[in-house]
Amino acid sequence: MPEILRILAGRRWWRILAATTAGVLALFAAAEFVATVSGVVQRGEFGRDLGTYLQVARHWIRTGAMYYPQQLAGPYLNTGDVNLYPPPAILLFMPFLVLPTVLWWIVPLGITTWAVAEDRPAWWSWPFLAAAFVPLDFHAGVAMGNTTMWAVAAIALATRRPSAAVFLALKPSVLPIALLFARHRSWWLASLGMGLVGLAFFQYWPEWWTGVRNLTGHDLLTYSLSSLPLLMVPVVAHVARTDERPKPSNARGTDRCYLRELGWPQDRHHDDPPMAAATGGTRNRRPGAVPSKEPHGNTND
């Protein structure tokens, strides 16, 4: 099977098909994004979620209460003044009372773009990455300033520094994704640090839990399922990365991209069998080996 995959993946038309599919999906997503943002602006809802977060921060500064009375009094709907975020999330909202609000978009989107661009994902992943930006939830979330942007940025950073995944705790509906990075010791140390930060807000945790239980018509456990493709963009891009650093010629088993270990080739522009034959063959050559100048029949090779 790996040999079949190698032969098929080496065909230039597969790359053309992947690039065409990704291009069509990207154009559709761009048109959809423009239409969605235009509608949000016309309704006066651009940055609405960010406005809600900043209102929570102001309410806390003014009254010392992090959650609203209607959330604690009994069942309520997720409309109007509502705060469903755990207490430490206030540390994310507070700085933007003084920082330019445009940074709310620039920082997370910039981090994600940088991480994906640095990985230079292989051509086979392009359709998957483009398809993740098609759902309307992505466009509406960006236009309204939803914290999903920050969750994606945290995952993008976690592909470099696993400890960054603990910031997903500020958005509990996506917290299970953080377990992807739990095998690293830095993740556990960062989790301990996040736990200590949570203890600093111990008096607000009972109120948060009460507010979550009283919420009706809204399931927090499945709230972010529609955003799962977008959340996985940095992970897919990192798995498909093509920017491995050069390794010593005697290194063995150090390639961390497991798809290549299954037989997928590097992202070459073309295969040249005549040239491969002239250099003694390249398909079965060990990575990093120097082409032999000996005749093929030499038993000392």
C-alpha atoms as a PDB file:
ATOM      1  CA  MET A   1       0.000   0.000   0.000  1.00  0.00           C
ATOM      2  CA  PRO A   2       2.749   2.575   0.754  1.00  0.00           C
ATOM      3  CA  GLU A   3       4.206   1.910  -2.713  1.00  0.00           C
ATOM      4  CA  ILE A   4       0.818   2.555  -4.345  1.00  0.00           C
ATOM      5  CA  LEU A   5       0.431   5.787  -2.373  1.00  0.00           C
ATOM      6  CA  ARG A   6       3.929   6.832  -3.393  1.00  0.00           C
ATOM      7  CA  ILE A   7       3.195   6.254  -7.071  1.00  0.00           C
ATOM      8  CA  LEU A   8      -0.151   8.064  -6.976  1.00  0.00           C
ATOM      9  CA  ALA A   9       1.125  10.993  -4.909  1.00  0.00           C
ATOM     10  CA  GLY A  10       4.054  11.486  -7.256  1.00  0.00           C
ATOM     11  CA  ARG A  11       1.746  12.353 -10.149  1.00  0.00           C
ATOM     12  CA  ARG A  12       1.625  16.013 -10.955  1.00  0.00           C
ATOM     13  CA  TRP A  13      -2.095  15.889 -11.722  1.00  0.00           C
ATOM     14  CA  TRP A  14      -2.859  15.013  -8.101  1.00  0.00           C
ATOM     15  CA  ARG A  15      -1.222  18.264  -7.059  1.00  0.00           C
ATOM     16  CA  ILE A  16      -3.134  20.144  -9.735  1.00  0.00           C
ATOM     17  CA  LEU A  17      -6.396  18.601  -8.521  1.00  0.00           C
ATOM     18  CA  ALA A  18      -5.611  19.470  -4.897  1.00  0.00           C
ATOM     19  CA  ALA A  19      -4.619  23.039  -5.784  1.00  0.00           C
ATOM     20  CA  THR A  20      -7.729  23.513  -7.935  1.00  0.00           C
ATOM     21  CA  THR A  21     -10.040  22.160  -5.251  1.00  0.00           C
ATOM     22  CA  ALA A  22      -8.424  24.326  -2.590  1.00  0.00           C
ATOM     23  CA  GLY A  23      -8.604  27.372  -4.848  1.00  0.00           C
ATOM     24  CA  VAL A  24     -12.312  26.908  -5.545  1.00  0.00           C
ATOM     25  CA  LEU A  25     -13.053  26.431  -1.855  1.00  0.00           C
ATOM     26  CA  ALA A  26     -10.949  29.480  -0.935  1.00  0.00           C
ATOM     27  CA  LEU A  27     -12.747  31.682  -3.469  1.00  0.00           C
ATOM     28  CA  PHE A  28     -16.119  30.481  -2.193  1.00  0.00           C
ATOM     29  CA  ALA A  29     -15.061  31.104   1.417  1.00  0.00           C
ATOM     30  CA  ALA A  30     -13.804  34.598   0.540  1.00  0.00           C
ATOM     31  CA  ALA A  31     -17.070  35.526  -1.181  1.00  0.00           C
ATOM     32  CA  GLU A  32     -19.032  34.093   1.727  1.00  0.00           C
ATOM     33  CA  PHE A  33     -16.881  36.024   4.193  1.00  0.00           C
ATOM     34  CA  VAL A  34     -17.471  39.338   2.406  1.00  0.00           C
ATOM     35  CA  ALA A  35     -21.225  38.726   2.283  1.00  0.00           C
ATOM     36  CA  THR A  36     -21.375  37.697   5.947  1.00  0.00           C
ATOM     37  CA  VAL A  37     -19.341  40.660   7.181  1.00  0.00           C
ATOM     38  CA  SER A  38     -21.436  43.054   5.085  1.00  0.00           C
ATOM     39  CA  GLY A  39     -24.607  41.672   6.642  1.00  0.00           C
ATOM     40  CA  VAL A  40     -23.167  41.890  10.156  1.00  0.00           C
ATOM     41  CA  VAL A  41     -22.114  45.505   9.597  1.00  0.00           C
ATOM     42  CA  GLN A  42     -25.521  46.450   8.192  1.00  0.00           C
ATOM     43  CA  ARG A  43     -27.217  45.001  11.275  1.00  0.00           C
ATOM     44  CA  GLY A  44     -24.822  46.922  13.532  1.00  0.00           C
ATOM     45  CA  GLU A  45     -23.460  43.719  15.051  1.00  0.00           C
ATOM     46  CA  PHE A  46     -19.803  43.976  14.052  1.00  0.00           C
ATOM     47  CA  GLY A  47     -17.697  43.271  17.147  1.00  0.00           C
ATOM     48  CA  ARG A  48     -20.799  42.416  19.181  1.00  0.00           C
ATOM     49  CA  ASP A  49     -19.125  39.554  21.063  1.00  0.00           C
ATOM     50  CA  LEU A  50     -16.126  41.704  21.899  1.00  0.00           C
ATOM     51  CA  GLY A  51     -18.493  44.356  23.209  1.00  0.00           C
ATOM     52  CA  THR A  52     -20.040  41.729  25.485  1.00  0.00           C
ATOM     53  CA  TYR A  53     -16.614  40.738  26.850  1.00  0.00           C
ATOM     54  CA  LEU A  54     -15.656  44.339  27.514  1.00  0.00           C
ATOM     55  CA  GLN A  55     -18.983  44.910  29.257  1.00  0.00           C
ATOM     56  CA  VAL A  56     -18.209  41.958  31.534  1.00  0.00           C
ATOM     57  CA  ALA A  57     -14.847  43.539  32.419  1.00  0.00           C
ATOM     58  CA  ARG A  58     -16.448  46.935  33.138  1.00  0.00           C
ATOM     59  CA  HIS A  59     -19.169  45.301  35.222  1.00  0.00           C
ATOM     60  CA  TRP A  60     -16.537  43.518  37.302  1.00  0.00           C
ATOM     61  CA  ILE A  61     -14.551  46.726  37.878  1.00  0.00           C
ATOM     62  CA  ARG A  62     -17.665  48.691  38.777  1.00  0.00           C
ATOM     63  CA  THR A  63     -19.501  46.180  40.986  1.00  0.00           C
ATOM     64  CA  GLY A  64     -16.979  43.462  41.849  1.00  0.00           C
ATOM     65  CA  ALA A  65     -19.427  40.899  40.430  1.00  0.00           C
ATOM     66  CA  MET A  66     -18.338  38.784  37.469  1.00  0.00           C
ATOM     67  CA  TYR A  67     -21.764  37.296  36.712  1.00  0.00           C
ATOM     68  CA  TYR A  68     -25.106  38.994  36.317  1.00  0.00           C
ATOM     69  CA  PRO A  69     -28.028  38.678  38.788  1.00  0.00           C
ATOM     70  CA  GLN A  70     -30.369  37.045  36.233  1.00  0.00           C
ATOM     71  CA  GLN A  71     -27.829  34.268  35.725  1.00  0.00           C
ATOM     72  CA  LEU A  72     -27.847  33.426  39.410  1.00  0.00           C
ATOM     73  CA  ALA A  73     -31.570  33.895  40.055  1.00  0.00           C
ATOM     74  CA  GLY A  74     -32.865  31.004  37.922  1.00  0.00           C
ATOM     75  CA  PRO A  75     -33.254  29.685  34.367  1.00  0.00           C
ATOM     76  CA  TYR A  76     -32.356  32.215  31.660  1.00  0.00           C
ATOM     77  CA  LEU A  77     -31.597  32.412  27.939  1.00  0.00           C
ATOM     78  CA  ASN A  78     -28.281  33.331  26.360  1.00  0.00           C
ATOM     79  CA  THR A  79     -29.381  36.834  25.403  1.00  0.00           C
ATOM     80  CA  GLY A  80     -28.551  40.283  26.716  1.00  0.00           C
ATOM     81  CA  ASP A  81     -25.977  40.660  29.487  1.00  0.00           C
ATOM     82  CA  VAL A  82     -24.591  37.162  30.006  1.00  0.00           C
ATOM     83  CA  ASN A  83     -21.160  35.851  30.975  1.00  0.00           C
ATOM     84  CA  LEU A  84     -20.539  32.134  30.472  1.00  0.00           C
ATOM     85  CA  TYR A  85     -16.745  32.228  30.651  1.00  0.00           C
ATOM     86  CA  PRO A  86     -14.820  30.874  33.648  1.00  0.00           C
ATOM     87  CA  PRO A  87     -13.403  33.503  36.031  1.00  0.00           C
ATOM     88  CA  PRO A  88      -9.789  33.557  34.689  1.00  0.00           C
ATOM     89  CA  ALA A  89     -11.095  34.662  31.271  1.00  0.00           C
ATOM     90  CA  ILE A  90     -11.383  38.168  32.713  1.00  0.00           C
ATOM     91  CA  LEU A  91      -7.597  38.368  32.336  1.00  0.00           C
ATOM     92  CA  LEU A  92      -8.058  38.163  28.567  1.00  0.00           C
ATOM     93  CA  PHE A  93     -10.814  40.778  28.466  1.00  0.00           C
ATOM     94  CA  MET A  94      -9.347  43.382  30.798  1.00  0.00           C
ATOM     95  CA  PRO A  95      -6.376  44.548  28.668  1.00  0.00           C
ATOM     96  CA  PHE A  96      -8.664  45.494  25.797  1.00  0.00           C
ATOM     97  CA  LEU A  97     -10.327  48.160  27.897  1.00  0.00           C
ATOM     98  CA  VAL A  98      -7.204  50.223  27.173  1.00  0.00           C
ATOM     99  CA  LEU A  99      -5.638  48.517  24.133  1.00  0.00           C
ATOM    100  CA  PRO A 100      -6.832  49.344  20.606  1.00  0.00           C
ATOM    101  CA  THR A 101      -9.717  46.995  19.887  1.00  0.00           C
ATOM    102  CA  VAL A 102      -8.321  46.186  16.449  1.00  0.00           C
ATOM    103  CA  LEU A 103      -5.661  44.111  18.241  1.00  0.00           C
ATOM    104  CA  TRP A 104      -8.419  41.750  19.319  1.00  0.00           C
ATOM    105  CA  TRP A 105      -8.445  40.547  15.690  1.00  0.00           C
ATOM    106  CA  ILE A 106      -4.859  41.218  14.615  1.00  0.00           C
ATOM    107  CA  VAL A 107      -3.140  39.218  17.379  1.00  0.00           C
ATOM    108  CA  PRO A 108      -4.960  35.846  17.113  1.00  0.00           C
ATOM    109  CA  LEU A 109      -5.368  35.917  13.329  1.00  0.00           C
ATOM    110  CA  GLY A 110      -1.727  36.938  12.948  1.00  0.00           C
ATOM    111  CA  ILE A 111      -0.506  34.098  15.175  1.00  0.00           C
ATOM    112  CA  THR A 112      -2.537  31.511  13.263  1.00  0.00           C
ATOM    113  CA  THR A 113      -1.437  32.836   9.861  1.00  0.00           C
ATOM    114  CA  TRP A 114       2.210  32.834  10.933  1.00  0.00           C
ATOM    115  CA  ALA A 115       2.064  29.263  12.258  1.00  0.00           C
ATOM    116  CA  VAL A 116       0.367  27.828   9.165  1.00  0.00           C
ATOM    117  CA  ALA A 117       2.618  29.750   6.767  1.00  0.00           C
ATOM    118  CA  GLU A 118       5.752  28.626   8.609  1.00  0.00           C
ATOM    119  CA  ASP A 119       4.680  24.986   8.408  1.00  0.00           C
ATOM    120  CA  ARG A 120       4.195  25.224   4.637  1.00  0.00           C
ATOM    121  CA  PRO A 121       1.691  22.353   4.643  1.00  0.00           C
ATOM    122  CA  ALA A 122       2.022  19.766   1.880  1.00  0.00           C
ATOM    123  CA  TRP A 123      -0.212  19.948  -1.156  1.00  0.00           C
ATOM    124  CA  TRP A 124      -2.471  17.060  -0.098  1.00  0.00           C
ATOM    125  CA  SER A 125      -3.656  19.085   2.922  1.00  0.00           C
ATOM    126  CA  TRP A 126      -4.679  22.192   0.970  1.00  0.00           C
ATOM    127  CA  PRO A 127      -8.301  21.111   0.279  1.00  0.00           C
ATOM    128  CA  PHE A 128      -8.813  20.183   3.937  1.00  0.00           C
ATOM    129  CA  LEU A 129      -7.434  23.524   5.131  1.00  0.00           C
ATOM    130  CA  ALA A 130      -9.506  25.525   2.634  1.00  0.00           C
ATOM    131  CA  ALA A 131     -12.684  23.611   3.502  1.00  0.00           C
ATOM    132  CA  ALA A 132     -12.290  24.560   7.177  1.00  0.00           C
ATOM    133  CA  PHE A 133     -12.942  28.218   6.300  1.00  0.00           C
ATOM    134  CA  VAL A 134     -16.188  27.563   4.430  1.00  0.00           C
ATOM    135  CA  PRO A 135     -18.655  27.199   7.364  1.00  0.00           C
ATOM    136  CA  LEU A 136     -20.621  30.341   8.201  1.00  0.00           C
ATOM    137  CA  ASP A 137     -19.683  30.049  11.871  1.00  0.00           C
ATOM    138  CA  PHE A 138     -16.129  31.072  11.018  1.00  0.00           C
ATOM    139  CA  HIS A 139     -17.177  34.208   9.136  1.00  0.00           C
ATOM    140  CA  ALA A 140     -19.737  35.278  11.719  1.00  0.00           C
ATOM    141  CA  GLY A 141     -17.334  34.545  14.568  1.00  0.00           C
ATOM    142  CA  VAL A 142     -14.596  36.727  13.075  1.00  0.00           C
ATOM    143  CA  ALA A 143     -17.012  39.543  12.287  1.00  0.00           C
ATOM    144  CA  MET A 144     -18.420  39.539  15.806  1.00  0.00           C
ATOM    145  CA  GLY A 145     -15.060  39.049  17.515  1.00  0.00           C
ATOM    146  CA  ASN A 146     -15.739  35.652  19.068  1.00  0.00           C
ATOM    147  CA  THR A 147     -13.091  34.050  21.274  1.00  0.00           C
ATOM    148  CA  THR A 148     -12.835  31.118  18.855  1.00  0.00           C
ATOM    149  CA  MET A 149     -10.124  33.174  17.109  1.00  0.00           C
ATOM    150  CA  TRP A 150      -8.070  33.095  20.285  1.00  0.00           C
ATOM    151  CA  ALA A 151      -8.669  29.377  20.747  1.00  0.00           C
ATOM    152  CA  VAL A 152      -7.309  28.678  17.249  1.00  0.00           C
ATOM    153  CA  ALA A 153      -4.299  30.902  17.994  1.00  0.00           C
ATOM    154  CA  ALA A 154      -3.629  28.988  21.231  1.00  0.00           C
ATOM    155  CA  ILE A 155      -3.677  25.696  19.323  1.00  0.00           C
ATOM    156  CA  ALA A 156      -1.331  27.173  16.701  1.00  0.00           C
ATOM    157  CA  LEU A 157       1.113  28.169  19.432  1.00  0.00           C
ATOM    158  CA  ALA A 158       0.735  24.765  21.066  1.00  0.00           C
ATOM    159  CA  THR A 159       2.102  23.078  17.933  1.00  0.00           C
ATOM    160  CA  ARG A 160       5.365  24.860  18.829  1.00  0.00           C
ATOM    161  CA  ARG A 161       5.021  25.160  22.594  1.00  0.00           C
ATOM    162  CA  PRO A 162       2.576  22.550  23.988  1.00  0.00           C
ATOM    163  CA  SER A 163       2.200  24.571  27.185  1.00  0.00           C
ATOM    164  CA  ALA A 164       0.165  27.151  25.233  1.00  0.00           C
ATOM    165  CA  ALA A 165      -2.695  24.645  24.965  1.00  0.00           C
ATOM    166  CA  VAL A 166      -3.688  25.330  28.580  1.00  0.00           C
ATOM    167  CA  PHE A 167      -5.136  28.674  27.459  1.00  0.00           C
ATOM    168  CA  LEU A 168      -8.003  26.658  25.988  1.00  0.00           C
ATOM    169  CA  ALA A 169      -9.219  26.408  29.581  1.00  0.00           C
ATOM    170  CA  LEU A 170     -10.559  29.942  29.109  1.00  0.00           C
ATOM    171  CA  LYS A 171     -13.080  28.474  26.639  1.00  0.00           C
ATOM    172  CA  PRO A 172     -14.266  25.206  28.232  1.00  0.00           C
ATOM    173  CA  SER A 173     -16.230  24.058  25.165  1.00  0.00           C
ATOM    174  CA  VAL A 174     -12.916  23.473  23.314  1.00  0.00           C
ATOM    175  CA  LEU A 175     -10.846  22.348  26.306  1.00  0.00           C
ATOM    176  CA  PRO A 176     -10.723  18.643  25.266  1.00  0.00           C
ATOM    177  CA  ILE A 177      -8.495  19.615  22.322  1.00  0.00           C
ATOM    178  CA  ALA A 178      -5.808  20.585  24.831  1.00  0.00           C
ATOM    179  CA  LEU A 179      -5.383  16.889  25.653  1.00  0.00           C
ATOM    180  CA  LEU A 180      -3.700  16.412  22.274  1.00  0.00           C
ATOM    181  CA  PHE A 181      -0.624  18.034  23.798  1.00  0.00           C
ATOM    182  CA  ALA A 182      -0.779  16.392  27.230  1.00  0.00           C
ATOM    183  CA  ARG A 183       2.149  14.049  26.586  1.00  0.00           C
ATOM    184  CA  HIS A 184       4.590  16.934  27.016  1.00  0.00           C
ATOM    185  CA  ARG A 185       5.902  17.791  30.485  1.00  0.00           C
ATOM    186  CA  SER A 186       5.625  21.524  29.763  1.00  0.00           C
ATOM    187  CA  TRP A 187       1.874  21.041  29.306  1.00  0.00           C
ATOM    188  CA  TRP A 188       1.525  19.648  32.798  1.00  0.00           C
ATOM    189  CA  LEU A 189       3.616  22.425  34.307  1.00  0.00           C
ATOM    190  CA  ALA A 190       1.538  25.046  32.494  1.00  0.00           C
ATOM    191  CA  SER A 191      -1.647  23.302  33.649  1.00  0.00           C
ATOM    192  CA  LEU A 192      -0.423  23.593  37.217  1.00  0.00           C
ATOM    193  CA  GLY A 193       0.179  27.296  36.665  1.00  0.00           C
ATOM    194  CA  MET A 194      -3.286  27.747  35.190  1.00  0.00           C
ATOM    195  CA  GLY A 195      -4.720  25.939  38.192  1.00  0.00           C
ATOM    196  CA  LEU A 196      -2.994  28.379  40.544  1.00  0.00           C
ATOM    197  CA  VAL A 197      -4.417  31.292  38.539  1.00  0.00           C
ATOM    198  CA  GLY A 198      -7.860  29.725  38.885  1.00  0.00           C
ATOM    199  CA  LEU A 199      -7.434  29.529  42.651  1.00  0.00           C
ATOM    200  CA  ALA A 200      -6.976  33.302  42.736  1.00  0.00           C
ATOM    201  CA  PHE A 201     -10.613  33.580  41.587  1.00  0.00           C
ATOM    202  CA  PHE A 202     -11.944  30.885  43.905  1.00  0.00           C
ATOM    203  CA  GLN A 203     -14.869  33.002  45.136  1.00  0.00           C
ATOM    204  CA  TYR A 204     -16.307  33.266  41.616  1.00  0.00           C
ATOM    205  CA  TRP A 205     -16.301  29.574  40.664  1.00  0.00           C
ATOM    206  CA  PRO A 206     -19.577  28.713  42.482  1.00  0.00           C
ATOM    207  CA  GLU A 207     -21.290  31.606  40.688  1.00  0.00           C
ATOM    208  CA  TRP A 208     -19.935  30.443  37.324  1.00  0.00           C
ATOM    209  CA  TRP A 209     -21.210  26.929  37.906  1.00  0.00           C
ATOM    210  CA  THR A 210     -24.610  28.258  38.949  1.00  0.00           C
ATOM    211  CA  GLY A 211     -24.783  30.392  35.815  1.00  0.00           C
ATOM    212  CA  VAL A 212     -23.901  27.417  33.606  1.00  0.00           C
ATOM    213  CA  ARG A 213     -26.512  25.189  35.241  1.00  0.00           C
ATOM    214  CA  ASN A 214     -29.247  27.831  34.963  1.00  0.00           C
ATOM    215  CA  LEU A 215     -28.669  28.364  31.247  1.00  0.00           C
ATOM    216  CA  THR A 216     -31.488  27.014  29.061  1.00  0.00           C
ATOM    217  CA  GLY A 217     -31.750  26.424  25.328  1.00  0.00           C
ATOM    218  CA  HIS A 218     -27.977  26.206  24.997  1.00  0.00           C
ATOM    219  CA  ASP A 219     -25.686  23.184  25.340  1.00  0.00           C
ATOM    220  CA  LEU A 220     -22.169  24.257  26.250  1.00  0.00           C
ATOM    221  CA  LEU A 221     -20.788  20.762  25.624  1.00  0.00           C
ATOM    222  CA  THR A 222     -21.695  20.870  21.919  1.00  0.00           C
ATOM    223  CA  TYR A 223     -21.472  24.626  21.456  1.00  0.00           C
ATOM    224  CA  SER A 224     -18.146  24.574  19.598  1.00  0.00           C
ATOM    225  CA  LEU A 225     -18.614  21.394  17.553  1.00  0.00           C
ATOM    226  CA  SER A 226     -19.387  23.430  14.445  1.00  0.00           C
ATOM    227  CA  SER A 227     -16.029  25.194  14.880  1.00  0.00           C
ATOM    228  CA  LEU A 228     -14.055  21.951  15.137  1.00  0.00           C
ATOM    229  CA  PRO A 229     -12.742  22.032  11.511  1.00  0.00           C
ATOM    230  CA  LEU A 230     -11.408  25.542  12.048  1.00  0.00           C
ATOM    231  CA  LEU A 231      -9.881  24.622  15.403  1.00  0.00           C
ATOM    232  CA  MET A 232      -8.003  21.742  13.776  1.00  0.00           C
ATOM    233  CA  VAL A 233      -6.438  23.884  11.026  1.00  0.00           C
ATOM    234  CA  PRO A 234      -3.144  24.436  12.915  1.00  0.00           C
ATOM    235  CA  VAL A 235      -2.943  20.744  13.810  1.00  0.00           C
ATOM    236  CA  VAL A 236      -3.499  19.575  10.219  1.00  0.00           C
ATOM    237  CA  ALA A 237      -1.024  22.151   8.908  1.00  0.00           C
ATOM    238  CA  HIS A 238       1.595  21.020  11.406  1.00  0.00           C
ATOM    239  CA  VAL A 239       1.126  17.330  10.666  1.00  0.00           C
ATOM    240  CA  ALA A 240       1.466  18.119   6.939  1.00  0.00           C
ATOM    241  CA  ARG A 241       4.433  20.432   7.420  1.00  0.00           C
ATOM    242  CA  THR A 242       7.212  20.384   4.819  1.00  0.00           C
ATOM    243  CA  ASP A 243       9.799  22.580   6.562  1.00  0.00           C
ATOM    244  CA  GLU A 244      11.794  20.057   8.590  1.00  0.00           C
ATOM    245  CA  ARG A 245      15.235  21.281   9.437  1.00  0.00           C
ATOM    246  CA  PRO A 246      18.211  19.515   7.832  1.00  0.00           C
ATOM    247  CA  LYS A 247      19.368  16.481   9.773  1.00  0.00           C
ATOM    248  CA  PRO A 248      22.842  14.933  10.085  1.00  0.00           C
ATOM    249  CA  SER A 249      23.575  12.375   7.395  1.00  0.00           C
ATOM    250  CA  ASN A 250      23.816   9.621  10.004  1.00  0.00           C
ATOM    251  CA  ALA A 251      20.474  10.468  11.677  1.00  0.00           C
ATOM    252  CA  ARG A 252      17.926   7.676  11.679  1.00  0.00           C
ATOM    253  CA  GLY A 253      14.275   7.661  12.667  1.00  0.00           C
ATOM    254  CA  THR A 254      14.200  11.373  13.440  1.00  0.00           C
ATOM    255  CA  ASP A 255      11.545  12.434  10.934  1.00  0.00           C
ATOM    256  CA  ARG A 256       8.572  13.479  13.054  1.00  0.00           C
ATOM    257  CA  CYS A 257       6.131  13.743  10.128  1.00  0.00           C
ATOM    258  CA  TYR A 258       4.534  10.304  10.356  1.00  0.00           C
ATOM    259  CA  LEU A 259       2.780  10.575   6.985  1.00  0.00           C
ATOM    260  CA  ARG A 260       6.156  10.442   5.263  1.00  0.00           C
ATOM    261  CA  GLU A 261       7.038   7.356   7.238  1.00  0.00           C
ATOM    262  CA  LEU A 262       3.991   5.721   5.660  1.00  0.00           C
ATOM    263  CA  GLY A 263       5.502   6.274   2.233  1.00  0.00           C
ATOM    264  CA  TRP A 264       4.278   9.722   1.210  1.00  0.00           C
ATOM    265  CA  PRO A 265       6.987  11.534  -0.763  1.00  0.00           C
ATOM    266  CA  GLN A 266       8.231  15.041  -0.233  1.00  0.00           C
ATOM    267  CA  ASP A 267       6.514  17.758  -2.206  1.00  0.00           C
ATOM    268  CA  ARG A 268       8.530  17.462  -5.433  1.00  0.00           C
ATOM    269  CA  HIS A 269       7.476  19.236  -8.620  1.00  0.00           C
ATOM    270  CA  HIS A 270       7.996  16.192 -10.810  1.00  0.00           C
ATOM    271  CA  ASP A 271       9.440  12.697 -10.982  1.00  0.00           C
ATOM    272  CA  ASP A 272      12.282  12.019 -13.386  1.00  0.00           C
ATOM    273  CA  PRO A 273      12.796   8.259 -13.771  1.00  0.00           C
ATOM    274  CA  PRO A 274      15.658   8.610 -16.314  1.00  0.00           C
ATOM    275  CA  MET A 275      17.592  10.835 -13.926  1.00  0.00           C
ATOM    276  CA  ALA A 276      16.860   8.433 -11.053  1.00  0.00           C
ATOM    277  CA  ALA A 277      18.235   5.565 -13.099  1.00  0.00           C
ATOM    278  CA  ALA A 278      21.345   7.535 -14.001  1.00  0.00           C
ATOM    279  CA  THR A 279      22.138   8.170 -10.353  1.00  0.00           C
ATOM    280  CA  GLY A 280      21.611   4.598  -9.249  1.00  0.00           C
ATOM    281  CA  GLY A 281      17.934   4.906  -8.316  1.00  0.00           C
ATOM    282  CA  THR A 282      16.292   7.166  -5.695  1.00  0.00           C
ATOM    283  CA  ARG A 283      13.128   5.389  -4.618  1.00  0.00           C
ATOM    284  CA  ASN A 284      14.764   2.880  -2.314  1.00  0.00           C
ATOM    285  CA  ARG A 285      17.707   4.989  -1.238  1.00  0.00           C
ATOM    286  CA  ARG A 286      17.980   5.656   2.490  1.00  0.00           C
ATOM    287  CA  PRO A 287      17.298   9.370   3.313  1.00  0.00           C
ATOM    288  CA  GLY A 288      20.590  11.277   3.465  1.00  0.00           C
ATOM    289  CA  ALA A 289      22.618   8.595   1.620  1.00  0.00           C
ATOM    290  CA  VAL A 290      25.066   9.681  -1.091  1.00  0.00           C
ATOM    291  CA  PRO A 291      24.406   8.172  -4.568  1.00  0.00           C
ATOM    292  CA  SER A 292      26.810   5.340  -5.267  1.00  0.00           C
ATOM    293  CA  LYS A 293      29.254   5.660  -8.163  1.00  0.00           C
ATOM    294  CA  GLU A 294      29.748   1.878  -8.249  1.00  0.00           C
ATOM    295  CA  PRO A 295      28.091  -0.254 -10.966  1.00  0.00           C
ATOM    296  CA  HIS A 296      24.803  -1.764  -9.919  1.00  0.00           C
ATOM    297  CA  GLY A 297      26.287  -5.244  -9.932  1.00  0.00           C
ATOM    298  CA  ASN A 298      28.981  -4.481  -7.378  1.00  0.00           C
ATOM    299  CA  THR A 299      28.606  -6.856  -4.438  1.00  0.00           C
ATOM    300  CA  ASN A 300      30.538  -4.525  -2.122  1.00  0.00           C
ATOM    301  CA  ASP A 301      27.803  -1.882  -2.116  1.00  0.00           C
END
